């Protein structure tokens, strides 16, 4: 009996929401026109490769993160990304095992760079005071 009452209440609320709803109708979008190239100017290089690379890296990061944390179902398309990342990680792991200095030196350089930047910033902040 109570389920029936709940169903009627939900139906009433739904119909009430529909009567207060606003419909948005989108018109046709104007066609995009190409600009005429100016003859006196040199044509700009096709850009956007950095944006595409960033988007690709974000997609790879999202896929690997989802695979590791198991937070969402992975799509069949993402199997290529996972396989490529797995192969790269296997190669890096093998190189690190065979040549540990190959990995240690770049890590040491980055850590030293970050430490130097932090010391410099600390010095500037302290001096400003």
Protein backbone atom coordinates (compact mmCIF):
# COMPACT_ATOMS: atom_id res chain seq x y z
CA UNK A 1 0.00 0.00 0.00
CA UNK A 2 2.79 2.39 0.93
CA UNK A 3 4.71 1.61 -2.30
CA UNK A 4 1.63 2.61 -4.26
CA UNK A 5 1.39 5.90 -2.38
CA UNK A 6 5.09 6.57 -2.97
CA UNK A 7 4.66 5.86 -6.71
CA UNK A 8 1.78 8.31 -6.97
CA UNK A 9 3.77 10.94 -5.09
CA UNK A 10 6.73 10.51 -7.42
CA UNK A 11 4.45 10.68 -10.47
CA UNK A 12 2.81 13.85 -9.15
CA UNK A 13 6.22 15.44 -8.50
CA UNK A 14 7.39 14.48 -12.00
CA UNK A 15 4.33 15.98 -13.67
CA UNK A 16 4.70 19.12 -11.56
CA UNK A 17 8.31 19.45 -12.66
CA UNK A 18 7.27 19.06 -16.29
CA UNK A 19 4.74 21.87 -16.04
CA UNK A 20 7.41 24.21 -14.63
CA UNK A 21 10.10 23.16 -17.12
CA UNK A 22 11.49 25.46 -19.78
CA UNK A 23 12.26 24.11 -23.23
CA UNK A 24 15.35 25.49 -24.93
CA UNK A 25 15.21 25.34 -28.72
CA UNK A 26 18.47 25.85 -30.53
CA UNK A 27 18.42 27.37 -33.98
CA UNK A 28 20.66 26.36 -36.82
CA UNK A 29 24.23 27.37 -36.31
CA UNK A 30 25.73 29.66 -38.91
CA UNK A 31 28.24 28.04 -41.21
CA UNK A 32 31.87 28.76 -40.41
CA UNK A 33 33.59 30.59 -43.22
CA UNK A 34 37.27 30.50 -43.94
CA UNK A 35 39.12 33.76 -43.98
CA UNK A 36 40.79 34.74 -47.17
CA UNK A 37 44.56 34.52 -46.82
CA UNK A 38 46.40 37.76 -47.08
CA UNK A 39 48.90 37.65 -49.86
CA UNK A 40 51.47 39.86 -48.09
CA UNK A 41 51.73 37.70 -44.99
CA UNK A 42 53.50 34.43 -44.57
CA UNK A 43 51.07 31.64 -43.75
CA UNK A 44 51.20 30.60 -40.11
CA UNK A 45 52.37 27.11 -39.29
CA UNK A 46 49.66 24.69 -38.41
CA UNK A 47 49.57 24.76 -34.61
CA UNK A 48 47.87 22.72 -32.01
CA UNK A 49 50.30 19.83 -31.78
CA UNK A 50 51.12 20.71 -28.16
CA UNK A 51 47.41 20.70 -27.32
CA UNK A 52 46.91 17.35 -29.01
CA UNK A 53 49.94 15.92 -27.20
CA UNK A 54 48.63 17.18 -23.87
CA UNK A 55 45.20 15.72 -24.56
CA UNK A 56 46.81 12.41 -25.48
CA UNK A 57 48.87 12.36 -22.29
CA UNK A 58 45.79 13.14 -20.22
CA UNK A 59 43.90 10.31 -21.88
CA UNK A 60 46.78 7.93 -21.21
CA UNK A 61 46.93 9.08 -17.59
CA UNK A 62 43.19 8.64 -17.15
CA UNK A 63 43.26 5.18 -18.69
CA UNK A 64 46.21 3.98 -16.62
CA UNK A 65 44.72 5.50 -13.47
CA UNK A 66 41.40 3.79 -14.12
CA UNK A 67 43.15 0.47 -14.77
CA UNK A 68 45.23 0.68 -11.59
CA UNK A 69 42.46 1.89 -9.27
CA UNK A 70 39.67 -0.11 -10.94
CA UNK A 71 37.31 2.86 -10.52
CA UNK A 72 35.50 2.49 -13.81
CA UNK A 73 34.92 -0.02 -16.56
CA UNK A 74 37.50 0.30 -19.30
CA UNK A 75 36.43 0.47 -22.92
CA UNK A 76 37.81 -1.93 -25.56
CA UNK A 77 39.50 1.02 -27.28
CA UNK A 78 41.61 1.59 -24.18
CA UNK A 79 43.29 -1.81 -24.43
CA UNK A 80 45.81 -0.40 -26.91
CA UNK A 81 46.75 2.37 -24.51
CA UNK A 82 47.16 -0.07 -21.62
CA UNK A 83 49.27 -2.42 -23.72
CA UNK A 84 51.53 0.39 -24.96
CA UNK A 85 52.03 1.76 -21.43
CA UNK A 86 52.70 -1.75 -20.11
CA UNK A 87 55.37 -2.33 -22.77
CA UNK A 88 57.02 1.04 -22.06
CA UNK A 89 57.01 0.33 -18.32
CA UNK A 90 58.50 -3.13 -18.89
CA UNK A 91 61.29 -1.63 -20.98
CA UNK A 92 61.97 1.10 -18.40
CA UNK A 93 61.93 -1.47 -15.61
CA UNK A 94 64.34 -3.75 -17.46
CA UNK A 95 66.68 -0.84 -18.22
CA UNK A 96 66.54 0.25 -14.57
CA UNK A 97 67.43 -3.28 -13.45
CA UNK A 98 70.28 -3.65 -15.93
CA UNK A 99 71.59 -0.06 -15.80
CA UNK A 100 70.53 1.48 -12.46
CA UNK A 101 72.62 4.58 -13.11
CA UNK A 102 70.55 5.26 -16.23
CA UNK A 103 67.58 5.90 -13.95
CA UNK A 104 69.41 7.21 -10.88
CA UNK A 105 71.24 10.11 -12.58
CA UNK A 106 68.16 11.76 -14.12
CA UNK A 107 66.23 11.36 -10.85
CA UNK A 108 69.15 12.84 -8.92
CA UNK A 109 69.33 15.77 -11.36
CA UNK A 110 65.60 16.52 -11.05
CA UNK A 111 65.64 16.25 -7.26
CA UNK A 112 68.72 18.50 -7.06
CA UNK A 113 67.04 21.04 -9.38
CA UNK A 114 63.88 21.09 -7.24
CA UNK A 115 65.93 21.42 -4.04
CA UNK A 116 67.90 24.31 -5.52
CA UNK A 117 64.71 26.06 -6.60
CA UNK A 118 63.22 25.64 -3.11
CA UNK A 119 66.37 26.99 -1.42
CA UNK A 120 66.42 29.99 -3.78
CA UNK A 121 62.74 30.73 -3.20
CA UNK A 122 63.16 30.36 0.55
CA UNK A 123 66.09 32.79 0.45
CA UNK A 124 64.07 35.35 -1.56
CA UNK A 125 61.06 35.10 0.75
CA UNK A 126 63.23 35.43 3.86
CA UNK A 127 65.10 38.38 2.37
CA UNK A 128 61.85 40.14 1.45
CA UNK A 129 60.77 40.00 5.09
